[in-house]
Amino acid sequence: RSIADVPLGTFLSGGVDSSIVSLALAQ
């Protein structure tokens, strides 16, 4: 879900779900 030809980021609320998604993308 991070395949894109344009700039991409994550919503990071600090909750469990967004924290894990952000962590996985960063890694």
mmCIF file of all heavy atoms, coordinates in Angstrom:
data_MODEL
# 
_entry.id   MODEL 
# 
loop_
_atom_site.group_PDB 
_atom_site.id 
_atom_site.type_symbol 
_atom_site.label_atom_id 
_atom_site.label_alt_id 
_atom_site.label_comp_id 
_atom_site.label_asym_id 
_atom_site.label_entity_id 
_atom_site.label_seq_id 
_atom_site.pdbx_PDB_ins_code 
_atom_site.Cartn_x 
_atom_site.Cartn_y 
_atom_site.Cartn_z 
_atom_site.occupancy 
_atom_site.B_iso_or_equiv 
_atom_site.pdbx_formal_charge 
_atom_site.auth_seq_id 
_atom_site.auth_comp_id 
_atom_site.auth_asym_id 
_atom_site.auth_atom_id 
_atom_site.pdbx_PDB_model_num 
ATOM 1   N N   . ARG A 1 1  ? 0.806  -1.218 0.000   1.00 0.00 ? 1  ARG A N   1 
ATOM 2   C CA  . ARG A 1 1  ? 0.000  0.000  0.000   1.00 0.00 ? 1  ARG A CA  1 
ATOM 3   C C   . ARG A 1 1  ? 0.843  1.274  0.000   1.00 0.00 ? 1  ARG A C   1 
ATOM 4   O O   . ARG A 1 1  ? 0.291  2.376  0.084   1.00 0.00 ? 1  ARG A O   1 
ATOM 5   C CB  . ARG A 1 1  ? -0.962 -0.027 1.189   1.00 0.00 ? 1  ARG A CB  1 
ATOM 6   C CG  . ARG A 1 1  ? -2.187 -0.893 0.883   1.00 0.00 ? 1  ARG A CG  1 
ATOM 7   C CD  . ARG A 1 1  ? -2.707 -1.650 2.088   1.00 0.00 ? 1  ARG A CD  1 
ATOM 8   N NE  . ARG A 1 1  ? -3.881 -2.458 1.734   1.00 0.00 ? 1  ARG A NE  1 
ATOM 9   C CZ  . ARG A 1 1  ? -3.816 -3.645 1.141   1.00 0.00 ? 1  ARG A CZ  1 
ATOM 10  N NH1 . ARG A 1 1  ? -2.652 -4.175 0.821   1.00 0.00 ? 1  ARG A NH1 1 
ATOM 11  N NH2 . ARG A 1 1  ? -4.924 -4.309 0.850   1.00 0.00 ? 1  ARG A NH2 1 
ATOM 12  N N   . SER A 1 2  ? 2.134  1.122  -0.113  1.00 0.00 ? 2  SER A N   1 
ATOM 13  C CA  . SER A 1 2  ? 3.000  2.298  -0.203  1.00 0.00 ? 2  SER A CA  1 
ATOM 14  C C   . SER A 1 2  ? 3.574  2.487  -1.606  1.00 0.00 ? 2  SER A C   1 
ATOM 15  O O   . SER A 1 2  ? 4.451  3.325  -1.815  1.00 0.00 ? 2  SER A O   1 
ATOM 16  C CB  . SER A 1 2  ? 4.136  2.194  0.822   1.00 0.00 ? 2  SER A CB  1 
ATOM 17  O OG  . SER A 1 2  ? 4.930  1.042  0.603   1.00 0.00 ? 2  SER A OG  1 
ATOM 18  N N   . ILE A 1 3  ? 3.055  1.718  -2.585  1.00 0.00 ? 3  ILE A N   1 
ATOM 19  C CA  . ILE A 1 3  ? 3.476  1.889  -3.984  1.00 0.00 ? 3  ILE A CA  1 
ATOM 20  C C   . ILE A 1 3  ? 2.818  3.145  -4.544  1.00 0.00 ? 3  ILE A C   1 
ATOM 21  O O   . ILE A 1 3  ? 1.596  3.262  -4.569  1.00 0.00 ? 3  ILE A O   1 
ATOM 22  C CB  . ILE A 1 3  ? 3.079  0.666  -4.843  1.00 0.00 ? 3  ILE A CB  1 
ATOM 23  C CG1 . ILE A 1 3  ? 3.778  -0.592 -4.334  1.00 0.00 ? 3  ILE A CG1 1 
ATOM 24  C CG2 . ILE A 1 3  ? 3.431  0.906  -6.307  1.00 0.00 ? 3  ILE A CG2 1 
ATOM 25  C CD1 . ILE A 1 3  ? 3.310  -1.865 -5.014  1.00 0.00 ? 3  ILE A CD1 1 
ATOM 26  N N   . ALA A 1 4  ? 3.619  4.101  -4.965  1.00 0.00 ? 4  ALA A N   1 
ATOM 27  C CA  . ALA A 1 4  ? 3.087  5.353  -5.523  1.00 0.00 ? 4  ALA A CA  1 
ATOM 28  C C   . ALA A 1 4  ? 4.202  6.075  -6.274  1.00 0.00 ? 4  ALA A C   1 
ATOM 29  O O   . ALA A 1 4  ? 5.384  5.927  -5.952  1.00 0.00 ? 4  ALA A O   1 
ATOM 30  C CB  . ALA A 1 4  ? 2.521  6.245  -4.421  1.00 0.00 ? 4  ALA A CB  1 
ATOM 31  N N   . ASP A 1 5  ? 3.798  6.846  -7.265  1.00 0.00 ? 5  ASP A N   1 
ATOM 32  C CA  . ASP A 1 5  ? 4.747  7.660  -8.020  1.00 0.00 ? 5  ASP A CA  1 
ATOM 33  C C   . ASP A 1 5  ? 4.684  9.121  -7.587  1.00 0.00 ? 5  ASP A C   1 
ATOM 34  O O   . ASP A 1 5  ? 5.110  10.014 -8.320  1.00 0.00 ? 5  ASP A O   1 
ATOM 35  C CB  . ASP A 1 5  ? 4.454  7.558  -9.527  1.00 0.00 ? 5  ASP A CB  1 
ATOM 36  C CG  . ASP A 1 5  ? 4.667  6.138  -10.047 1.00 0.00 ? 5  ASP A CG  1 
ATOM 37  O OD1 . ASP A 1 5  ? 5.537  5.440  -9.492  1.00 0.00 ? 5  ASP A OD1 1 
ATOM 38  O OD2 . ASP A 1 5  ? 3.957  5.725  -10.985 1.00 0.00 ? 5  ASP A OD2 1 
ATOM 39  N N   . VAL A 1 6  ? 4.113  9.353  -6.398  1.00 0.00 ? 6  VAL A N   1 
ATOM 40  C CA  . VAL A 1 6  ? 3.970  10.705 -5.854  1.00 0.00 ? 6  VAL A CA  1 
ATOM 41  C C   . VAL A 1 6  ? 4.349  10.661 -4.375  1.00 0.00 ? 6  VAL A C   1 
ATOM 42  O O   . VAL A 1 6  ? 4.433  9.581  -3.771  1.00 0.00 ? 6  VAL A O   1 
ATOM 43  C CB  . VAL A 1 6  ? 2.527  11.223 -6.019  1.00 0.00 ? 6  VAL A CB  1 
ATOM 44  C CG1 . VAL A 1 6  ? 2.154  11.363 -7.490  1.00 0.00 ? 6  VAL A CG1 1 
ATOM 45  C CG2 . VAL A 1 6  ? 1.534  10.300 -5.303  1.00 0.00 ? 6  VAL A CG2 1 
ATOM 46  N N   . PRO A 1 7  ? 4.562  11.817 -3.720  1.00 0.00 ? 7  PRO A N   1 
ATOM 47  C CA  . PRO A 1 7  ? 4.910  11.840 -2.292  1.00 0.00 ? 7  PRO A CA  1 
ATOM 48  C C   . PRO A 1 7  ? 3.845  11.172 -1.419  1.00 0.00 ? 7  PRO A C   1 
ATOM 49  O O   . PRO A 1 7  ? 2.645  11.312 -1.661  1.00 0.00 ? 7  PRO A O   1 
ATOM 50  C CB  . PRO A 1 7  ? 5.013  13.336 -1.983  1.00 0.00 ? 7  PRO A CB  1 
ATOM 51  C CG  . PRO A 1 7  ? 5.349  13.967 -3.285  1.00 0.00 ? 7  PRO A CG  1 
ATOM 52  C CD  . PRO A 1 7  ? 4.629  13.169 -4.320  1.00 0.00 ? 7  PRO A CD  1 
ATOM 53  N N   . LEU A 1 8  ? 4.321  10.447 -0.394  1.00 0.00 ? 8  LEU A N   1 
ATOM 54  C CA  . LEU A 1 8  ? 3.446  9.658  0.471   1.00 0.00 ? 8  LEU A CA  1 
ATOM 55  C C   . LEU A 1 8  ? 3.861  9.825  1.924   1.00 0.00 ? 8  LEU A C   1 
ATOM 56  O O   . LEU A 1 8  ? 5.046  9.977  2.233   1.00 0.00 ? 8  LEU A O   1 
ATOM 57  C CB  . LEU A 1 8  ? 3.538  8.191  0.039   1.00 0.00 ? 8  LEU A CB  1 
ATOM 58  C CG  . LEU A 1 8  ? 2.826  7.103  0.835   1.00 0.00 ? 8  LEU A CG  1 
ATOM 59  C CD1 . LEU A 1 8  ? 2.339  6.002  -0.126  1.00 0.00 ? 8  LEU A CD1 1 
ATOM 60  C CD2 . LEU A 1 8  ? 3.754  6.469  1.873   1.00 0.00 ? 8  LEU A CD2 1 
ATOM 61  N N   . GLY A 1 9  ? 2.877  9.811  2.838   1.00 0.00 ? 9  GLY A N   1 
ATOM 62  C CA  . GLY A 1 9  ? 3.161  9.900  4.265   1.00 0.00 ? 9  GLY A CA  1 
ATOM 63  C C   . GLY A 1 9  ? 2.164  9.076  5.049   1.00 0.00 ? 9  GLY A C   1 
ATOM 64  O O   . GLY A 1 9  ? 1.438  8.256  4.485   1.00 0.00 ? 9  GLY A O   1 
ATOM 65  N N   . THR A 1 10 ? 2.098  9.283  6.374   1.00 0.00 ? 10 THR A N   1 
ATOM 66  C CA  . THR A 1 10 ? 1.127  8.568  7.202   1.00 0.00 ? 10 THR A CA  1 
ATOM 67  C C   . THR A 1 10 ? 0.433  9.531  8.154   1.00 0.00 ? 10 THR A C   1 
ATOM 68  O O   . THR A 1 10 ? 1.025  10.507 8.607   1.00 0.00 ? 10 THR A O   1 
ATOM 69  C CB  . THR A 1 10 ? 1.788  7.462  8.061   1.00 0.00 ? 10 THR A CB  1 
ATOM 70  O OG1 . THR A 1 10 ? 2.593  8.059  9.082   1.00 0.00 ? 10 THR A OG1 1 
ATOM 71  C CG2 . THR A 1 10 ? 2.634  6.523  7.217   1.00 0.00 ? 10 THR A CG2 1 
ATOM 72  N N   . PHE A 1 11 ? -0.848 9.230  8.443   1.00 0.00 ? 11 PHE A N   1 
ATOM 73  C CA  . PHE A 1 11 ? -1.527 9.880  9.553   1.00 0.00 ? 11 PHE A CA  1 
ATOM 74  C C   . PHE A 1 11 ? -1.019 9.215  10.827  1.00 0.00 ? 11 PHE A C   1 
ATOM 75  O O   . PHE A 1 11 ? -1.054 7.989  10.948  1.00 0.00 ? 11 PHE A O   1 
ATOM 76  C CB  . PHE A 1 11 ? -3.041 9.677  9.473   1.00 0.00 ? 11 PHE A CB  1 
ATOM 77  C CG  . PHE A 1 11 ? -3.724 10.470 8.397   1.00 0.00 ? 11 PHE A CG  1 
ATOM 78  C CD1 . PHE A 1 11 ? -4.974 10.068 7.915   1.00 0.00 ? 11 PHE A CD1 1 
ATOM 79  C CD2 . PHE A 1 11 ? -3.161 11.609 7.869   1.00 0.00 ? 11 PHE A CD2 1 
ATOM 80  C CE1 . PHE A 1 11 ? -5.625 10.792 6.943   1.00 0.00 ? 11 PHE A CE1 1 
ATOM 81  C CE2 . PHE A 1 11 ? -3.801 12.338 6.880   1.00 0.00 ? 11 PHE A CE2 1 
ATOM 82  C CZ  . PHE A 1 11 ? -5.037 11.936 6.414   1.00 0.00 ? 11 PHE A CZ  1 
ATOM 83  N N   . LEU A 1 12 ? -0.569 9.976  11.790  1.00 0.00 ? 12 LEU A N   1 
ATOM 84  C CA  . LEU A 1 12 ? -0.027 9.430  13.032  1.00 0.00 ? 12 LEU A CA  1 
ATOM 85  C C   . LEU A 1 12 ? -0.723 10.074 14.222  1.00 0.00 ? 12 LEU A C   1 
ATOM 86  O O   . LEU A 1 12 ? -0.370 11.172 14.650  1.00 0.00 ? 12 LEU A O   1 
ATOM 87  C CB  . LEU A 1 12 ? 1.486  9.665  13.099  1.00 0.00 ? 12 LEU A CB  1 
ATOM 88  C CG  . LEU A 1 12 ? 2.203  9.211  14.372  1.00 0.00 ? 12 LEU A CG  1 
ATOM 89  C CD1 . LEU A 1 12 ? 1.956  7.727  14.643  1.00 0.00 ? 12 LEU A CD1 1 
ATOM 90  C CD2 . LEU A 1 12 ? 3.698  9.496  14.278  1.00 0.00 ? 12 LEU A CD2 1 
ATOM 91  N N   . SER A 1 13 ? -1.709 9.382  14.758  1.00 0.00 ? 13 SER A N   1 
ATOM 92  C CA  . SER A 1 13 ? -2.457 9.915  15.902  1.00 0.00 ? 13 SER A CA  1 
ATOM 93  C C   . SER A 1 13 ? -1.781 9.579  17.220  1.00 0.00 ? 13 SER A C   1 
ATOM 94  O O   . SER A 1 13 ? -2.052 10.208 18.239  1.00 0.00 ? 13 SER A O   1 
ATOM 95  C CB  . SER A 1 13 ? -3.875 9.353  15.907  1.00 0.00 ? 13 SER A CB  1 
ATOM 96  O OG  . SER A 1 13 ? -3.850 7.955  16.154  1.00 0.00 ? 13 SER A OG  1 
ATOM 97  N N   . GLY A 1 14 ? -0.921 8.557  17.203  1.00 0.00 ? 14 GLY A N   1 
ATOM 98  C CA  . GLY A 1 14 ? -0.320 8.085  18.441  1.00 0.00 ? 14 GLY A CA  1 
ATOM 99  C C   . GLY A 1 14 ? -1.044 6.890  19.020  1.00 0.00 ? 14 GLY A C   1 
ATOM 100 O O   . GLY A 1 14 ? -0.618 6.320  20.021  1.00 0.00 ? 14 GLY A O   1 
ATOM 101 N N   . GLY A 1 15 ? -2.156 6.480  18.388  1.00 0.00 ? 15 GLY A N   1 
ATOM 102 C CA  . GLY A 1 15 ? -2.862 5.272  18.796  1.00 0.00 ? 15 GLY A CA  1 
ATOM 103 C C   . GLY A 1 15 ? -2.148 4.031  18.288  1.00 0.00 ? 15 GLY A C   1 
ATOM 104 O O   . GLY A 1 15 ? -1.175 4.107  17.532  1.00 0.00 ? 15 GLY A O   1 
ATOM 105 N N   . VAL A 1 16 ? -2.640 2.863  18.680  1.00 0.00 ? 16 VAL A N   1 
ATOM 106 C CA  . VAL A 1 16 ? -1.999 1.598  18.319  1.00 0.00 ? 16 VAL A CA  1 
ATOM 107 C C   . VAL A 1 16 ? -1.874 1.437  16.809  1.00 0.00 ? 16 VAL A C   1 
ATOM 108 O O   . VAL A 1 16 ? -0.791 1.148  16.275  1.00 0.00 ? 16 VAL A O   1 
ATOM 109 C CB  . VAL A 1 16 ? -2.791 0.404  18.908  1.00 0.00 ? 16 VAL A CB  1 
ATOM 110 C CG1 . VAL A 1 16 ? -2.246 -0.918 18.372  1.00 0.00 ? 16 VAL A CG1 1 
ATOM 111 C CG2 . VAL A 1 16 ? -2.732 0.427  20.424  1.00 0.00 ? 16 VAL A CG2 1 
ATOM 112 N N   . ASP A 1 17 ? -2.969 1.624  16.102  1.00 0.00 ? 17 ASP A N   1 
ATOM 113 C CA  . ASP A 1 17 ? -3.001 1.296  14.678  1.00 0.00 ? 17 ASP A CA  1 
ATOM 114 C C   . ASP A 1 17 ? -2.114 2.206  13.838  1.00 0.00 ? 17 ASP A C   1 
ATOM 115 O O   . ASP A 1 17 ? -1.300 1.741  13.033  1.00 0.00 ? 17 ASP A O   1 
ATOM 116 C CB  . ASP A 1 17 ? -4.449 1.357  14.165  1.00 0.00 ? 17 ASP A CB  1 
ATOM 117 C CG  . ASP A 1 17 ? -5.371 0.458  14.966  1.00 0.00 ? 17 ASP A CG  1 
ATOM 118 O OD1 . ASP A 1 17 ? -4.914 -0.624 15.370  1.00 0.00 ? 17 ASP A OD1 1 
ATOM 119 O OD2 . ASP A 1 17 ? -6.518 0.853  15.208  1.00 0.00 ? 17 ASP A OD2 1 
ATOM 120 N N   . SER A 1 18 ? -2.260 3.519  13.993  1.00 0.00 ? 18 SER A N   1 
ATOM 121 C CA  . SER A 1 18 ? -1.462 4.442  13.178  1.00 0.00 ? 18 SER A CA  1 
ATOM 122 C C   . SER A 1 18 ? 0.011  4.375  13.560  1.00 0.00 ? 18 SER A C   1 
ATOM 123 O O   . SER A 1 18 ? 0.890  4.574  12.715  1.00 0.00 ? 18 SER A O   1 
ATOM 124 C CB  . SER A 1 18 ? -1.984 5.871  13.312  1.00 0.00 ? 18 SER A CB  1 
ATOM 125 O OG  . SER A 1 18 ? -1.797 6.372  14.619  1.00 0.00 ? 18 SER A OG  1 
ATOM 126 N N   . SER A 1 19 ? 0.302  4.068  14.828  1.00 0.00 ? 19 SER A N   1 
ATOM 127 C CA  . SER A 1 19 ? 1.697  3.942  15.263  1.00 0.00 ? 19 SER A CA  1 
ATOM 128 C C   . SER A 1 19 ? 2.371  2.750  14.596  1.00 0.00 ? 19 SER A C   1 
ATOM 129 O O   . SER A 1 19 ? 3.518  2.833  14.143  1.00 0.00 ? 19 SER A O   1 
ATOM 130 C CB  . SER A 1 19 ? 1.766  3.800  16.786  1.00 0.00 ? 19 SER A CB  1 
ATOM 131 O OG  . SER A 1 19 ? 1.291  4.960  17.433  1.00 0.00 ? 19 SER A OG  1 
ATOM 132 N N   . ILE A 1 20 ? 1.651  1.633  14.510  1.00 0.00 ? 20 ILE A N   1 
ATOM 133 C CA  . ILE A 1 20 ? 2.210  0.429  13.891  1.00 0.00 ? 20 ILE A CA  1 
ATOM 134 C C   . ILE A 1 20 ? 2.382  0.612  12.388  1.00 0.00 ? 20 ILE A C   1 
ATOM 135 O O   . ILE A 1 20 ? 3.401  0.217  11.810  1.00 0.00 ? 20 ILE A O   1 
ATOM 136 C CB  . ILE A 1 20 ? 1.327  -0.791 14.223  1.00 0.00 ? 20 ILE A CB  1 
ATOM 137 C CG1 . ILE A 1 20 ? 1.494  -1.151 15.701  1.00 0.00 ? 20 ILE A CG1 1 
ATOM 138 C CG2 . ILE A 1 20 ? 1.661  -1.981 13.328  1.00 0.00 ? 20 ILE A CG2 1 
ATOM 139 C CD1 . ILE A 1 20 ? 0.558  -2.236 16.197  1.00 0.00 ? 20 ILE A CD1 1 
ATOM 140 N N   . VAL A 1 21 ? 1.400  1.230  11.735  1.00 0.00 ? 21 VAL A N   1 
ATOM 141 C CA  . VAL A 1 21 ? 1.520  1.492  10.293  1.00 0.00 ? 21 VAL A CA  1 
ATOM 142 C C   . VAL A 1 21 ? 2.709  2.413  10.018  1.00 0.00 ? 21 VAL A C   1 
ATOM 143 O O   . VAL A 1 21 ? 3.511  2.164  9.095   1.00 0.00 ? 21 VAL A O   1 
ATOM 144 C CB  . VAL A 1 21 ? 0.216  2.116  9.744   1.00 0.00 ? 21 VAL A CB  1 
ATOM 145 C CG1 . VAL A 1 21 ? 0.429  2.676  8.338   1.00 0.00 ? 21 VAL A CG1 1 
ATOM 146 C CG2 . VAL A 1 21 ? -0.897 1.076  9.727   1.00 0.00 ? 21 VAL A CG2 1 
ATOM 147 N N   . SER A 1 22 ? 2.853  3.463  10.808  1.00 0.00 ? 22 SER A N   1 
ATOM 148 C CA  . SER A 1 22 ? 3.962  4.404  10.614  1.00 0.00 ? 22 SER A CA  1 
ATOM 149 C C   . SER A 1 22 ? 5.302  3.724  10.862  1.00 0.00 ? 22 SER A C   1 
ATOM 150 O O   . SER A 1 22 ? 6.271  3.941  10.126  1.00 0.00 ? 22 SER A O   1 
ATOM 151 C CB  . SER A 1 22 ? 3.793  5.613  11.538  1.00 0.00 ? 22 SER A CB  1 
ATOM 152 O OG  . SER A 1 22 ? 2.604  6.316  11.253  1.00 0.00 ? 22 SER A OG  1 
ATOM 153 N N   . LEU A 1 23 ? 5.358  2.914  11.907  1.00 0.00 ? 23 LEU A N   1 
ATOM 154 C CA  . LEU A 1 23 ? 6.577  2.168  12.204  1.00 0.00 ? 23 LEU A CA  1 
ATOM 155 C C   . LEU A 1 23 ? 6.954  1.254  11.038  1.00 0.00 ? 23 LEU A C   1 
ATOM 156 O O   . LEU A 1 23 ? 8.112  1.234  10.596  1.00 0.00 ? 23 LEU A O   1 
ATOM 157 C CB  . LEU A 1 23 ? 6.370  1.324  13.463  1.00 0.00 ? 23 LEU A CB  1 
ATOM 158 C CG  . LEU A 1 23 ? 7.479  0.302  13.755  1.00 0.00 ? 23 LEU A CG  1 
ATOM 159 C CD1 . LEU A 1 23 ? 8.625  0.955  14.508  1.00 0.00 ? 23 LEU A CD1 1 
ATOM 160 C CD2 . LEU A 1 23 ? 6.941  -0.902 14.522  1.00 0.00 ? 23 LEU A CD2 1 
ATOM 161 N N   . ALA A 1 24 ? 5.987  0.495  10.534  1.00 0.00 ? 24 ALA A N   1 
ATOM 162 C CA  . ALA A 1 24 ? 6.260  -0.447 9.449   1.00 0.00 ? 24 ALA A CA  1 
ATOM 163 C C   . ALA A 1 24 ? 6.757  0.273  8.199   1.00 0.00 ? 24 ALA A C   1 
ATOM 164 O O   . ALA A 1 24 ? 7.712  -0.176 7.545   1.00 0.00 ? 24 ALA A O   1 
ATOM 165 C CB  . ALA A 1 24 ? 4.998  -1.254 9.126   1.00 0.00 ? 24 ALA A CB  1 
ATOM 166 N N   . LEU A 1 25 ? 6.131  1.392  7.856   1.00 0.00 ? 25 LEU A N   1 
ATOM 167 C CA  . LEU A 1 25 ? 6.568  2.147  6.679   1.00 0.00 ? 25 LEU A CA  1 
ATOM 168 C C   . LEU A 1 25 ? 7.975  2.693  6.884   1.00 0.00 ? 25 LEU A C   1 
ATOM 169 O O   . LEU A 1 25 ? 8.815  2.632  5.971   1.00 0.00 ? 25 LEU A O   1 
ATOM 170 C CB  . LEU A 1 25 ? 5.592  3.285  6.386   1.00 0.00 ? 25 LEU A CB  1 
ATOM 171 C CG  . LEU A 1 25 ? 5.916  4.117  5.133   1.00 0.00 ? 25 LEU A CG  1 
ATOM 172 C CD1 . LEU A 1 25 ? 5.843  3.253  3.873   1.00 0.00 ? 25 LEU A CD1 1 
ATOM 173 C CD2 . LEU A 1 25 ? 4.968  5.308  5.009   1.00 0.00 ? 25 LEU A CD2 1 
ATOM 174 N N   . ALA A 1 26 ? 8.253  3.198  8.067   1.00 0.00 ? 26 ALA A N   1 
ATOM 175 C CA  . ALA A 1 26 ? 9.583  3.756  8.361   1.00 0.00 ? 26 ALA A CA  1 
ATOM 176 C C   . ALA A 1 26 ? 10.661 2.680  8.254   1.00 0.00 ? 26 ALA A C   1 
ATOM 177 O O   . ALA A 1 26 ? 11.769 2.934  7.751   1.00 0.00 ? 26 ALA A O   1 
ATOM 178 C CB  . ALA A 1 26 ? 9.593  4.391  9.743   1.00 0.00 ? 26 ALA A CB  1 
ATOM 179 N N   . GLN A 1 27 ? 10.355 1.474  8.719   1.00 0.00 ? 27 GLN A N   1 
ATOM 180 C CA  . GLN A 1 27 ? 11.332 0.386  8.672   1.00 0.00 ? 27 GLN A CA  1 
ATOM 181 C C   . GLN A 1 27 ? 11.598 -0.089 7.247   1.00 0.00 ? 27 GLN A C   1 
ATOM 182 O O   . GLN A 1 27 ? 12.646 -0.680 6.976   1.00 0.00 ? 27 GLN A O   1 
ATOM 183 C CB  . GLN A 1 27 ? 10.843 -0.784 9.532   1.00 0.00 ? 27 GLN A CB  1 
ATOM 184 C CG  . GLN A 1 27 ? 10.866 -0.494 11.031  1.00 0.00 ? 27 GLN A CG  1 
ATOM 185 C CD  . GLN A 1 27 ? 10.359 -1.655 11.851  1.00 0.00 ? 27 GLN A CD  1 
ATOM 186 O OE1 . GLN A 1 27 ? 9.582  -2.488 11.369  1.00 0.00 ? 27 GLN A OE1 1 
ATOM 187 N NE2 . GLN A 1 27 ? 10.775 -1.723 13.112  1.00 0.00 ? 27 GLN A NE2 1 
# 
